Amino acid sequence: MKELKASADEASNLLKSLANRLRLQILCELAAGERSVGDIARELGIRDTVASQHLGLLRREGIVGNRREAQTIYYRVKSEPARQVLETLYKLYCAPKSRRGR
């Protein structure tokens, strides 16, 4: 029973982190591979600071990881459960319509 509760807590925390349109857009970008904060911000038409705030939350939740290269910080999906959920969401909602299988 403790294992089930722990798993449910983990899943609940992941889903809470994903329950934001902008974070989902950021994660769709990262599903395609590592990206810098600036690249993500440009692609989504938002400020770097806004992207950084959301990426910081995702990092604290263990969903994304980062690395620094000089002045640039690059992010990637770190959590395997998150990666699997994102792959499904990407196929359903982010992939080009011709590849969605609908």
PDB file of N, CA and C in Angstrom:
ATOM      1  N   MET A   1       0.812  -1.193   0.000  1.00  0.00           N
ATOM      2  CA  MET A   1       0.000   0.000   0.000  1.00  0.00           C
ATOM      3  C   MET A   1       0.863   1.267   0.000  1.00  0.00           C
ATOM      4  N   LYS A   2       1.981   1.233   0.739  1.00  0.00           N
ATOM      5  CA  LYS A   2       2.878   2.386   0.779  1.00  0.00           C
ATOM      6  C   LYS A   2       3.471   2.659  -0.601  1.00  0.00           C
ATOM      7  N   GLU A   3       3.798   1.569  -1.327  1.00  0.00           N
ATOM      8  CA  GLU A   3       4.350   1.727  -2.671  1.00  0.00           C
ATOM      9  C   GLU A   3       3.355   2.400  -3.604  1.00  0.00           C
ATOM     10  N   LEU A   4       2.107   1.970  -3.513  1.00  0.00           N
ATOM     11  CA  LEU A   4       1.057   2.549  -4.350  1.00  0.00           C
ATOM     12  C   LEU A   4       0.876   4.030  -4.041  1.00  0.00           C
ATOM     13  N   LYS A   5       0.889   4.376  -2.751  1.00  0.00           N
ATOM     14  CA  LYS A   5       0.747   5.780  -2.360  1.00  0.00           C
ATOM     15  C   LYS A   5       1.917   6.600  -2.889  1.00  0.00           C
ATOM     16  N   ALA A   6       3.127   6.075  -2.756  1.00  0.00           N
ATOM     17  CA  ALA A   6       4.305   6.791  -3.242  1.00  0.00           C
ATOM     18  C   ALA A   6       4.234   6.976  -4.756  1.00  0.00           C
ATOM     19  N   SER A   7       3.824   5.938  -5.466  1.00  0.00           N
ATOM     20  CA  SER A   7       3.695   6.036  -6.923  1.00  0.00           C
ATOM     21  C   SER A   7       2.617   7.037  -7.312  1.00  0.00           C
ATOM     22  N   ALA A   8       1.502   7.013  -6.587  1.00  0.00           N
ATOM     23  CA  ALA A   8       0.412   7.958  -6.867  1.00  0.00           C
ATOM     24  C   ALA A   8       0.860   9.391  -6.593  1.00  0.00           C
ATOM     25  N   ASP A   9       1.631   9.589  -5.525  1.00  0.00           N
ATOM     26  CA  ASP A   9       2.159  10.922  -5.219  1.00  0.00           C
ATOM     27  C   ASP A   9       3.088  11.398  -6.329  1.00  0.00           C
ATOM     28  N   GLU A  10       3.951  10.507  -6.800  1.00  0.00           N
ATOM     29  CA  GLU A  10       4.883  10.851  -7.873  1.00  0.00           C
ATOM     30  C   GLU A  10       4.127  11.219  -9.153  1.00  0.00           C
ATOM     31  N   ALA A  11       3.135  10.411  -9.508  1.00  0.00           N
ATOM     32  CA  ALA A  11       2.338  10.683 -10.710  1.00  0.00           C
ATOM     33  C   ALA A  11       1.570  11.993 -10.561  1.00  0.00           C
ATOM     34  N   SER A  12       1.021  12.224  -9.387  1.00  0.00           N
ATOM     35  CA  SER A  12       0.267  13.453  -9.134  1.00  0.00           C
ATOM     36  C   SER A  12       1.158  14.682  -9.276  1.00  0.00           C
ATOM     37  N   ASN A  13       2.372  14.613  -8.737  1.00  0.00           N
ATOM     38  CA  ASN A  13       3.307  15.734  -8.847  1.00  0.00           C
ATOM     39  C   ASN A  13       3.690  15.995 -10.298  1.00  0.00           C
ATOM     40  N   LEU A  14       3.905  14.934 -11.066  1.00  0.00           N
ATOM     41  CA  LEU A  14       4.230  15.093 -12.484  1.00  0.00           C
ATOM     42  C   LEU A  14       3.074  15.770 -13.212  1.00  0.00           C
ATOM     43  N   LEU A  15       1.863  15.281 -12.986  1.00  0.00           N
ATOM     44  CA  LEU A  15       0.698  15.844 -13.674  1.00  0.00           C
ATOM     45  C   LEU A  15       0.446  17.298 -13.273  1.00  0.00           C
ATOM     46  N   LYS A  16       0.706  17.651 -12.012  1.00  0.00           N
ATOM     47  CA  LYS A  16       0.568  19.051 -11.583  1.00  0.00           C
ATOM     48  C   LYS A  16       1.555  19.933 -12.341  1.00  0.00           C
ATOM     49  N   SER A  17       2.767  19.441 -12.509  1.00  0.00           N
ATOM     50  CA  SER A  17       3.778  20.213 -13.230  1.00  0.00           C
ATOM     51  C   SER A  17       3.411  20.387 -14.694  1.00  0.00           C
ATOM     52  N   LEU A  18       2.732  19.404 -15.255  1.00  0.00           N
ATOM     53  CA  LEU A  18       2.347  19.462 -16.666  1.00  0.00           C
ATOM     54  C   LEU A  18       1.057  20.248 -16.889  1.00  0.00           C
ATOM     55  N   ALA A  19       0.352  20.574 -15.812  1.00  0.00           N
ATOM     56  CA  ALA A  19      -0.967  21.207 -15.922  1.00  0.00           C
ATOM     57  C   ALA A  19      -0.867  22.713 -16.151  1.00  0.00           C
ATOM     58  N   ASN A  20      -0.043  23.108 -17.101  1.00  0.00           N
ATOM     59  CA  ASN A  20       0.134  24.510 -17.455  1.00  0.00           C
ATOM     60  C   ASN A  20       0.462  24.555 -18.944  1.00  0.00           C
ATOM     61  N   ARG A  21      -0.284  25.350 -19.692  1.00  0.00           N
ATOM     62  CA  ARG A  21      -0.117  25.398 -21.147  1.00  0.00           C
ATOM     63  C   ARG A  21       1.318  25.739 -21.557  1.00  0.00           C
ATOM     64  N   LEU A  22       1.913  26.732 -20.923  1.00  0.00           N
ATOM     65  CA  LEU A  22       3.257  27.152 -21.298  1.00  0.00           C
ATOM     66  C   LEU A  22       4.292  26.073 -20.968  1.00  0.00           C
ATOM     67  N   ARG A  23       4.158  25.433 -19.810  1.00  0.00           N
ATOM     68  CA  ARG A  23       5.101  24.355 -19.474  1.00  0.00           C
ATOM     69  C   ARG A  23       4.965  23.197 -20.454  1.00  0.00           C
ATOM     70  N   LEU A  24       3.737  22.909 -20.880  1.00  0.00           N
ATOM     71  CA  LEU A  24       3.552  21.854 -21.885  1.00  0.00           C
ATOM     72  C   LEU A  24       4.223  22.229 -23.199  1.00  0.00           C
ATOM     73  N   GLN A  25       4.109  23.496 -23.598  1.00  0.00           N
ATOM     74  CA  GLN A  25       4.772  23.940 -24.825  1.00  0.00           C
ATOM     75  C   GLN A  25       6.292  23.820 -24.690  1.00  0.00           C
ATOM     76  N   ILE A  26       6.810  24.207 -23.542  1.00  0.00           N
ATOM     77  CA  ILE A  26       8.252  24.091 -23.296  1.00  0.00           C
ATOM     78  C   ILE A  26       8.674  22.629 -23.387  1.00  0.00           C
ATOM     79  N   LEU A  27       7.909  21.755 -22.762  1.00  0.00           N
ATOM     80  CA  LEU A  27       8.259  20.332 -22.772  1.00  0.00           C
ATOM     81  C   LEU A  27       8.111  19.717 -24.159  1.00  0.00           C
ATOM     82  N   CYS A  28       7.165  20.211 -24.953  1.00  0.00           N
ATOM     83  CA  CYS A  28       7.077  19.749 -26.349  1.00  0.00           C
ATOM     84  C   CYS A  28       8.354  20.125 -27.100  1.00  0.00           C
ATOM     85  N   GLU A  29       8.875  21.322 -26.839  1.00  0.00           N
ATOM     86  CA  GLU A  29      10.148  21.723 -27.455  1.00  0.00           C
ATOM     87  C   GLU A  29      11.274  20.791 -27.007  1.00  0.00           C
ATOM     88  N   LEU A  30      11.309  20.484 -25.718  1.00  0.00           N
ATOM     89  CA  LEU A  30      12.377  19.639 -25.185  1.00  0.00           C
ATOM     90  C   LEU A  30      12.219  18.179 -25.588  1.00  0.00           C
ATOM     91  N   ALA A  31      11.008  17.764 -25.926  1.00  0.00           N
ATOM     92  CA  ALA A  31      10.793  16.380 -26.380  1.00  0.00           C
ATOM     93  C   ALA A  31      11.573  16.114 -27.658  1.00  0.00           C
ATOM     94  N   ALA A  32      11.826  17.168 -28.422  1.00  0.00           N
ATOM     95  CA  ALA A  32      12.579  17.030 -29.672  1.00  0.00           C
ATOM     96  C   ALA A  32      14.090  17.055 -29.440  1.00  0.00           C
ATOM     97  N   GLY A  33      14.523  17.382 -28.216  1.00  0.00           N
ATOM     98  CA  GLY A  33      15.948  17.402 -27.910  1.00  0.00           C
ATOM     99  C   GLY A  33      16.325  18.588 -27.043  1.00  0.00           C
ATOM    100  N   GLU A  34      17.576  18.617 -26.652  1.00  0.00           N
ATOM    101  CA  GLU A  34      18.100  19.661 -25.776  1.00  0.00           C
ATOM    102  C   GLU A  34      17.960  21.037 -26.429  1.00  0.00           C
ATOM    103  N   ARG A  35      17.586  22.033 -25.622  1.00  0.00           N
ATOM    104  CA  ARG A  35      17.409  23.397 -26.108  1.00  0.00           C
ATOM    105  C   ARG A  35      17.923  24.385 -25.060  1.00  0.00           C
ATOM    106  N   SER A  36      18.380  25.536 -25.546  1.00  0.00           N
ATOM    107  CA  SER A  36      18.779  26.603 -24.624  1.00  0.00           C
ATOM    108  C   SER A  36      17.548  27.403 -24.217  1.00  0.00           C
ATOM    109  N   VAL A  37      17.677  28.129 -23.124  1.00  0.00           N
ATOM    110  CA  VAL A  37      16.585  28.986 -22.658  1.00  0.00           C
ATOM    111  C   VAL A  37      16.199  29.966 -23.764  1.00  0.00           C
ATOM    112  N   GLY A  38      17.194  30.574 -24.393  1.00  0.00           N
ATOM    113  CA  GLY A  38      16.930  31.542 -25.457  1.00  0.00           C
ATOM    114  C   GLY A  38      16.202  30.931 -26.638  1.00  0.00           C
ATOM    115  N   ASP A  39      16.608  29.724 -27.030  1.00  0.00           N
ATOM    116  CA  ASP A  39      15.933  29.038 -28.142  1.00  0.00           C
ATOM    117  C   ASP A  39      14.468  28.778 -27.812  1.00  0.00           C
ATOM    118  N   ILE A  40      14.216  28.304 -26.602  1.00  0.00           N
ATOM    119  CA  ILE A  40      12.842  28.015 -26.173  1.00  0.00           C
ATOM    120  C   ILE A  40      12.019  29.299 -26.170  1.00  0.00           C
ATOM    121  N   ALA A  41      12.575  30.357 -25.591  1.00  0.00           N
ATOM    122  CA  ALA A  41      11.857  31.631 -25.506  1.00  0.00           C
ATOM    123  C   ALA A  41      11.523  32.162 -26.898  1.00  0.00           C
ATOM    124  N   ARG A  42      12.486  32.130 -27.809  1.00  0.00           N
ATOM    125  CA  ARG A  42      12.236  32.606 -29.182  1.00  0.00           C
ATOM    126  C   ARG A  42      11.161  31.777 -29.868  1.00  0.00           C
ATOM    127  N   GLU A  43      11.263  30.471 -29.748  1.00  0.00           N
ATOM    128  CA  GLU A  43      10.309  29.579 -30.415  1.00  0.00           C
ATOM    129  C   GLU A  43       8.883  29.805 -29.912  1.00  0.00           C
ATOM    130  N   LEU A  44       8.736  30.092 -28.622  1.00  0.00           N
ATOM    131  CA  LEU A  44       7.405  30.258 -28.035  1.00  0.00           C
ATOM    132  C   LEU A  44       6.943  31.715 -27.980  1.00  0.00           C
ATOM    133  N   GLY A  45       7.831  32.643 -28.359  1.00  0.00           N
ATOM    134  CA  GLY A  45       7.466  34.055 -28.349  1.00  0.00           C
ATOM    135  C   GLY A  45       7.286  34.622 -26.954  1.00  0.00           C
ATOM    136  N   ILE A  46       8.146  34.181 -26.029  1.00  0.00           N
ATOM    137  CA  ILE A  46       8.086  34.665 -24.647  1.00  0.00           C
ATOM    138  C   ILE A  46       9.453  35.219 -24.251  1.00  0.00           C
ATOM    139  N   ARG A  47       9.510  35.903 -23.124  1.00  0.00           N
ATOM    140  CA  ARG A  47      10.789  36.426 -22.624  1.00  0.00           C
ATOM    141  C   ARG A  47      11.627  35.294 -22.029  1.00  0.00           C
ATOM    142  N   ASP A  48      12.933  35.472 -22.082  1.00  0.00           N
ATOM    143  CA  ASP A  48      13.850  34.496 -21.474  1.00  0.00           C
ATOM    144  C   ASP A  48      13.526  34.282 -20.000  1.00  0.00           C
ATOM    145  N   THR A  49      13.186  35.364 -19.292  1.00  0.00           N
ATOM    146  CA  THR A  49      12.909  35.250 -17.857  1.00  0.00           C
ATOM    147  C   THR A  49      11.681  34.385 -17.588  1.00  0.00           C
ATOM    148  N   VAL A  50      10.674  34.489 -18.449  1.00  0.00           N
ATOM    149  CA  VAL A  50       9.466  33.666 -18.289  1.00  0.00           C
ATOM    150  C   VAL A  50       9.817  32.198 -18.517  1.00  0.00           C
ATOM    151  N   ALA A  51      10.578  31.934 -19.581  1.00  0.00           N
ATOM    152  CA  ALA A  51      11.004  30.557 -19.856  1.00  0.00           C
ATOM    153  C   ALA A  51      11.827  30.027 -18.686  1.00  0.00           C
ATOM    154  N   SER A  52      12.733  30.840 -18.167  1.00  0.00           N
ATOM    155  CA  SER A  52      13.586  30.422 -17.050  1.00  0.00           C
ATOM    156  C   SER A  52      12.779  30.087 -15.804  1.00  0.00           C
ATOM    157  N   GLN A  53      11.743  30.878 -15.518  1.00  0.00           N
ATOM    158  CA  GLN A  53      10.901  30.596 -14.346  1.00  0.00           C
ATOM    159  C   GLN A  53      10.251  29.224 -14.467  1.00  0.00           C
ATOM    160  N   HIS A  54       9.669  28.944 -15.620  1.00  0.00           N
ATOM    161  CA  HIS A  54       8.995  27.659 -15.810  1.00  0.00           C
ATOM    162  C   HIS A  54       9.999  26.507 -15.824  1.00  0.00           C
ATOM    163  N   LEU A  55      11.142  26.712 -16.461  1.00  0.00           N
ATOM    164  CA  LEU A  55      12.175  25.678 -16.483  1.00  0.00           C
ATOM    165  C   LEU A  55      12.706  25.412 -15.079  1.00  0.00           C
ATOM    166  N   GLY A  56      12.813  26.453 -14.267  1.00  0.00           N
ATOM    167  CA  GLY A  56      13.254  26.287 -12.883  1.00  0.00           C
ATOM    168  C   GLY A  56      12.302  25.403 -12.093  1.00  0.00           C
ATOM    169  N   LEU A  57      11.006  25.613 -12.275  1.00  0.00           N
ATOM    170  CA  LEU A  57      10.019  24.772 -11.597  1.00  0.00           C
ATOM    171  C   LEU A  57      10.144  23.328 -12.077  1.00  0.00           C
ATOM    172  N   LEU A  58      10.260  23.138 -13.378  1.00  0.00           N
ATOM    173  CA  LEU A  58      10.395  21.784 -13.930  1.00  0.00           C
ATOM    174  C   LEU A  58      11.684  21.113 -13.448  1.00  0.00           C
ATOM    175  N   ARG A  59      12.739  21.904 -13.274  1.00  0.00           N
ATOM    176  CA  ARG A  59      14.010  21.357 -12.769  1.00  0.00           C
ATOM    177  C   ARG A  59      13.869  20.945 -11.306  1.00  0.00           C
ATOM    178  N   ARG A  60      13.237  21.800 -10.496  1.00  0.00           N
ATOM    179  CA  ARG A  60      13.035  21.478  -9.074  1.00  0.00           C
ATOM    180  C   ARG A  60      12.186  20.222  -8.905  1.00  0.00           C
ATOM    181  N   GLU A  61      11.272  19.985  -9.810  1.00  0.00           N
ATOM    182  CA  GLU A  61      10.426  18.787  -9.767  1.00  0.00           C
ATOM    183  C   GLU A  61      11.140  17.560 -10.338  1.00  0.00           C
ATOM    184  N   GLY A  62      12.354  17.741 -10.859  1.00  0.00           N
ATOM    185  CA  GLY A  62      13.122  16.618 -11.391  1.00  0.00           C
ATOM    186  C   GLY A  62      12.704  16.182 -12.786  1.00  0.00           C
ATOM    187  N   ILE A  63      11.928  17.017 -13.468  1.00  0.00           N
ATOM    188  CA  ILE A  63      11.441  16.663 -14.799  1.00  0.00           C
ATOM    189  C   ILE A  63      12.479  16.979 -15.866  1.00  0.00           C
ATOM    190  N   VAL A  64      13.174  18.099 -15.708  1.00  0.00           N
ATOM    191  CA  VAL A  64      14.220  18.466 -16.656  1.00  0.00           C
ATOM    192  C   VAL A  64      15.551  18.595 -15.931  1.00  0.00           C
ATOM    193  N   GLY A  65      16.611  18.454 -16.692  1.00  0.00           N
ATOM    194  CA  GLY A  65      17.955  18.676 -16.192  1.00  0.00           C
ATOM    195  C   GLY A  65      18.585  19.766 -17.036  1.00  0.00           C
ATOM    196  N   ASN A  66      19.700  20.308 -16.561  1.00  0.00           N
ATOM    197  CA  ASN A  66      20.348  21.359 -17.338  1.00  0.00           C
ATOM    198  C   ASN A  66      21.856  21.232 -17.281  1.00  0.00           C
ATOM    199  N   ARG A  67      22.479  21.926 -18.196  1.00  0.00           N
ATOM    200  CA  ARG A  67      23.934  22.050 -18.199  1.00  0.00           C
ATOM    201  C   ARG A  67      24.270  23.449 -18.691  1.00  0.00           C
ATOM    202  N   ARG A  68      25.387  23.954 -18.202  1.00  0.00           N
ATOM    203  CA  ARG A  68      25.833  25.290 -18.592  1.00  0.00           C
ATOM    204  C   ARG A  68      27.012  25.155 -19.547  1.00  0.00           C
ATOM    205  N   GLU A  69      26.966  25.959 -20.592  1.00  0.00           N
ATOM    206  CA  GLU A  69      28.082  26.053 -21.532  1.00  0.00           C
ATOM    207  C   GLU A  69      28.375  27.537 -21.689  1.00  0.00           C
ATOM    208  N   ALA A  70      29.415  28.001 -21.019  1.00  0.00           N
ATOM    209  CA  ALA A  70      29.744  29.429 -20.951  1.00  0.00           C
ATOM    210  C   ALA A  70      28.546  30.179 -20.367  1.00  0.00           C
ATOM    211  N   GLN A  71      27.954  31.106 -21.117  1.00  0.00           N
ATOM    212  CA  GLN A  71      26.819  31.896 -20.629  1.00  0.00           C
ATOM    213  C   GLN A  71      25.465  31.245 -20.904  1.00  0.00           C
ATOM    214  N   THR A  72      25.452  30.153 -21.640  1.00  0.00           N
ATOM    215  CA  THR A  72      24.197  29.544 -22.089  1.00  0.00           C
ATOM    216  C   THR A  72      23.845  28.325 -21.249  1.00  0.00           C
ATOM    217  N   ILE A  73      22.569  28.236 -20.855  1.00  0.00           N
ATOM    218  CA  ILE A  73      22.077  27.072 -20.115  1.00  0.00           C
ATOM    219  C   ILE A  73      21.183  26.261 -21.042  1.00  0.00           C
ATOM    220  N   TYR A  74      21.490  24.983 -21.143  1.00  0.00           N
ATOM    221  CA  TYR A  74      20.731  24.065 -21.994  1.00  0.00           C
ATOM    222  C   TYR A  74      19.909  23.135 -21.111  1.00  0.00           C
ATOM    223  N   TYR A  75      18.686  22.873 -21.542  1.00  0.00           N
ATOM    224  CA  TYR A  75      17.784  21.990 -20.803  1.00  0.00           C
ATOM    225  C   TYR A  75      17.431  20.770 -21.630  1.00  0.00           C
ATOM    226  N   ARG A  76      17.111  19.679 -20.920  1.00  0.00           N
ATOM    227  CA  ARG A  76      16.678  18.430 -21.548  1.00  0.00           C
ATOM    228  C   ARG A  76      15.702  17.749 -20.593  1.00  0.00           C
ATOM    229  N   VAL A  77      14.888  16.857 -21.133  1.00  0.00           N
ATOM    230  CA  VAL A  77      14.000  16.070 -20.278  1.00  0.00           C
ATOM    231  C   VAL A  77      14.869  15.057 -19.549  1.00  0.00           C
ATOM    232  N   LYS A  78      14.747  15.007 -18.236  1.00  0.00           N
ATOM    233  CA  LYS A  78      15.587  14.146 -17.398  1.00  0.00           C
ATOM    234  C   LYS A  78      14.817  12.934 -16.862  1.00  0.00           C
ATOM    235  N   SER A  79      13.568  13.117 -16.516  1.00  0.00           N
ATOM    236  CA  SER A  79      12.751  12.073 -15.895  1.00  0.00           C
ATOM    237  C   SER A  79      12.223  11.099 -16.945  1.00  0.00           C
ATOM    238  N   GLU A  80      12.499   9.808 -16.750  1.00  0.00           N
ATOM    239  CA  GLU A  80      12.009   8.802 -17.704  1.00  0.00           C
ATOM    240  C   GLU A  80      10.484   8.713 -17.709  1.00  0.00           C
ATOM    241  N   PRO A  81       9.807   8.704 -16.546  1.00  0.00           N
ATOM    242  CA  PRO A  81       8.340   8.716 -16.594  1.00  0.00           C
ATOM    243  C   PRO A  81       7.808   9.950 -17.339  1.00  0.00           C
ATOM    244  N   ALA A  82       8.418  11.107 -17.094  1.00  0.00           N
ATOM    245  CA  ALA A  82       7.992  12.319 -17.801  1.00  0.00           C
ATOM    246  C   ALA A  82       8.233  12.172 -19.297  1.00  0.00           C
ATOM    247  N   ARG A  83       9.369  11.599 -19.670  1.00  0.00           N
ATOM    248  CA  ARG A  83       9.690  11.399 -21.091  1.00  0.00           C
ATOM    249  C   ARG A  83       8.620  10.529 -21.758  1.00  0.00           C
ATOM    250  N   GLN A  84       8.195   9.480 -21.092  1.00  0.00           N
ATOM    251  CA  GLN A  84       7.189   8.588 -21.673  1.00  0.00           C
ATOM    252  C   GLN A  84       5.840   9.289 -21.815  1.00  0.00           C
ATOM    253  N   VAL A  85       5.450  10.055 -20.796  1.00  0.00           N
ATOM    254  CA  VAL A  85       4.197  10.814 -20.887  1.00  0.00           C
ATOM    255  C   VAL A  85       4.298  11.836 -22.014  1.00  0.00           C
ATOM    256  N   LEU A  86       5.436  12.515 -22.100  1.00  0.00           N
ATOM    257  CA  LEU A  86       5.628  13.529 -23.138  1.00  0.00           C
ATOM    258  C   LEU A  86       5.620  12.933 -24.539  1.00  0.00           C
ATOM    259  N   GLU A  87       6.192  11.745 -24.695  1.00  0.00           N
ATOM    260  CA  GLU A  87       6.159  11.099 -26.010  1.00  0.00           C
ATOM    261  C   GLU A  87       4.725  10.882 -26.460  1.00  0.00           C
ATOM    262  N   THR A  88       3.890  10.434 -25.539  1.00  0.00           N
ATOM    263  CA  THR A  88       2.478  10.227 -25.868  1.00  0.00           C
ATOM    264  C   THR A  88       1.798  11.559 -26.174  1.00  0.00           C
ATOM    265  N   LEU A  89       2.005  12.560 -25.322  1.00  0.00           N
ATOM    266  CA  LEU A  89       1.409  13.874 -25.553  1.00  0.00           C
ATOM    267  C   LEU A  89       1.919  14.487 -26.853  1.00  0.00           C
ATOM    268  N   TYR A  90       3.221  14.320 -27.127  1.00  0.00           N
ATOM    269  CA  TYR A  90       3.802  14.864 -28.357  1.00  0.00           C
ATOM    270  C   TYR A  90       3.122  14.251 -29.578  1.00  0.00           C
ATOM    271  N   LYS A  91       2.969  12.930 -29.566  1.00  0.00           N
ATOM    272  CA  LYS A  91       2.324  12.253 -30.696  1.00  0.00           C
ATOM    273  C   LYS A  91       0.892  12.732 -30.882  1.00  0.00           C
ATOM    274  N   LEU A  92       0.192  12.952 -29.779  1.00  0.00           N
ATOM    275  CA  LEU A  92      -1.216  13.351 -29.852  1.00  0.00           C
ATOM    276  C   LEU A  92      -1.418  14.829 -30.176  1.00  0.00           C
ATOM    277  N   TYR A  93      -0.530  15.694 -29.665  1.00  0.00           N
ATOM    278  CA  TYR A  93      -0.800  17.124 -29.746  1.00  0.00           C
ATOM    279  C   TYR A  93       0.287  17.990 -30.374  1.00  0.00           C
ATOM    280  N   CYS A  94       1.528  17.567 -30.368  1.00  0.00           N
ATOM    281  CA  CYS A  94       2.616  18.436 -30.820  1.00  0.00           C
ATOM    282  C   CYS A  94       3.135  18.085 -32.207  1.00  0.00           C
ATOM    283  N   ALA A  95       3.065  16.822 -32.570  1.00  0.00           N
ATOM    284  CA  ALA A  95       3.593  16.388 -33.866  1.00  0.00           C
ATOM    285  C   ALA A  95       2.780  17.026 -34.986  1.00  0.00           C
ATOM    286  N   PRO A  96       3.400  17.186 -36.164  1.00  0.00           N
ATOM    287  CA  PRO A  96       2.634  17.705 -37.306  1.00  0.00           C
ATOM    288  C   PRO A  96       1.376  16.866 -37.519  1.00  0.00           C
ATOM    289  N   LYS A  97       0.296  17.513 -37.914  1.00  0.00           N
ATOM    290  CA  LYS A  97      -0.999  16.833 -38.054  1.00  0.00           C
ATOM    291  C   LYS A  97      -0.919  15.601 -38.940  1.00  0.00           C
ATOM    292  N   SER A  98      -0.072  15.631 -39.946  1.00  0.00           N
ATOM    293  CA  SER A  98       0.035  14.484 -40.859  1.00  0.00           C
ATOM    294  C   SER A  98       0.606  13.250 -40.173  1.00  0.00           C
ATOM    295  N   ARG A  99       1.256  13.426 -39.008  1.00  0.00           N
ATOM    296  CA  ARG A  99       1.884  12.296 -38.312  1.00  0.00           C
ATOM    297  C   ARG A  99       1.165  11.926 -37.024  1.00  0.00           C
ATOM    298  N   ARG A 100       0.008  12.516 -36.748  1.00  0.00           N
ATOM    299  CA  ARG A 100      -0.681  12.298 -35.473  1.00  0.00           C
ATOM    300  C   ARG A 100      -1.487  11.016 -35.414  1.00  0.00           C
ATOM    301  N   GLY A 101      -1.828  10.432 -36.503  1.00  0.00           N
ATOM    302  CA  GLY A 101      -2.589   9.194 -36.459  1.00  0.00           C
ATOM    303  C   GLY A 101      -4.038   9.388 -36.067  1.00  0.00           C
ATOM    304  N   ARG A 102      -4.573  10.554 -36.333  1.00  0.00           N
ATOM    305  CA  ARG A 102      -5.988  10.813 -36.025  1.00  0.00           C
ATOM    306  C   ARG A 102      -6.807  10.642 -37.260  1.00  0.00           C
TER     307      ARG A 102
END
